Amino acid sequence: KEILKAIKDDIQQFQNAYKSKSFNKFIDVNFRTHRATHDIEELFMQYNVPIEGIQAIERQLDDIQQIIANVKIISPRIEVIP
């Protein structure tokens, strides 16, 4: 029952998000994030990345995480409406 409720809530949240003016941007950001994850995996699997490169990537990821946290603070939460 809990799993079904979670799935129903997720579907409702996506339906609410779809109505947002930012939904197309969300899709683009999600695609680019997925692409970046793939590129990082490929980088580390195929190249001997110097520590400076790793540190640069880590700094950028830290910045992104901070931006996400800040945007979360200023953004109204989407309520699940049954």
Protein backbone atom coordinates (compact mmCIF):
# COMPACT_ATOMS: atom_id res chain seq x y z
CA LYS A 1 0.00 0.00 0.00
CA GLU A 2 2.83 2.40 0.86
CA ILE A 3 4.51 1.83 -2.49
CA LEU A 4 1.26 2.46 -4.37
CA LYS A 5 0.69 5.67 -2.41
CA ALA A 6 4.22 6.84 -3.18
CA ILE A 7 3.71 6.13 -6.89
CA LYS A 8 0.36 7.94 -6.90
CA ASP A 9 1.96 10.93 -5.12
CA ASP A 10 4.81 10.99 -7.66
CA ILE A 11 2.36 10.91 -10.55
CA GLN A 12 0.36 13.74 -9.00
CA GLN A 13 3.50 15.81 -8.45
CA PHE A 14 4.57 15.31 -12.07
CA GLN A 15 1.09 16.33 -13.23
CA ASN A 16 1.31 19.46 -11.10
CA ALA A 17 4.86 20.17 -12.31
CA TYR A 18 3.75 19.69 -15.92
CA LYS A 19 1.38 22.64 -15.46
CA SER A 20 4.31 24.82 -14.39
CA LYS A 21 5.67 27.47 -16.74
CA SER A 22 9.14 26.03 -16.04
CA PHE A 23 8.44 22.43 -17.01
CA ASN A 24 10.27 22.57 -20.35
CA LYS A 25 13.28 24.08 -18.60
CA PHE A 26 13.09 21.29 -16.01
CA ILE A 27 13.25 18.70 -18.80
CA ASP A 28 16.26 20.47 -20.34
CA VAL A 29 18.11 20.76 -17.01
CA ASN A 30 17.37 17.12 -16.22
CA PHE A 31 18.69 16.01 -19.62
CA ARG A 32 21.85 18.11 -19.22
CA THR A 33 22.42 16.74 -15.72
CA HIS A 34 22.11 13.19 -17.01
CA ARG A 35 24.52 14.02 -19.85
CA ALA A 36 27.02 15.52 -17.38
CA THR A 37 26.85 12.37 -15.24
CA HIS A 38 27.58 10.25 -18.29
CA ASP A 39 30.45 12.53 -19.34
CA ILE A 40 32.02 12.38 -15.86
CA GLU A 41 31.79 8.58 -15.84
CA GLU A 42 33.38 8.43 -19.28
CA LEU A 43 36.10 10.87 -18.22
CA PHE A 44 37.13 8.80 -15.21
CA MET A 45 36.86 5.46 -17.01
CA GLN A 46 38.90 6.49 -20.05
CA TYR A 47 41.36 9.10 -18.79
CA ASN A 48 43.89 9.44 -16.00
CA VAL A 49 42.40 12.67 -14.67
CA PRO A 50 44.86 14.87 -12.76
CA ILE A 51 43.93 15.95 -9.24
CA GLU A 52 43.46 19.54 -10.43
CA GLY A 53 40.77 18.38 -12.86
CA ILE A 54 39.02 16.38 -10.16
CA GLN A 55 39.14 19.34 -7.78
CA ALA A 56 37.73 21.68 -10.45
CA ILE A 57 34.82 19.30 -11.03
CA GLU A 58 34.25 19.00 -7.27
CA ARG A 59 34.14 22.81 -6.87
CA GLN A 60 31.59 23.11 -9.66
CA LEU A 61 29.45 20.34 -8.14
CA ASP A 62 29.62 22.08 -4.75
CA ASP A 63 28.47 25.30 -6.42
CA ILE A 64 25.57 23.50 -8.12
CA GLN A 65 24.50 21.89 -4.83
CA GLN A 66 24.54 25.31 -3.16
CA ILE A 67 22.50 26.85 -5.97
CA ILE A 68 19.93 24.04 -5.67
CA ALA A 69 19.69 24.58 -1.90
CA ASN A 70 19.24 28.35 -2.38
CA VAL A 71 16.60 27.95 -5.09
CA LYS A 72 14.73 25.47 -2.89
CA ILE A 73 14.56 28.10 -0.13
CA ILE A 74 12.98 30.74 -2.39
CA SER A 75 10.66 28.39 -4.30
CA PRO A 76 7.11 27.56 -3.22
CA ARG A 77 6.60 23.85 -2.68
CA ILE A 78 4.21 21.99 -4.99
CA GLU A 79 1.47 20.46 -2.89
CA VAL A 80 0.01 17.12 -3.91
CA ILE A 81 -3.67 17.70 -4.57
CA PRO A 82 -5.63 14.44 -4.68
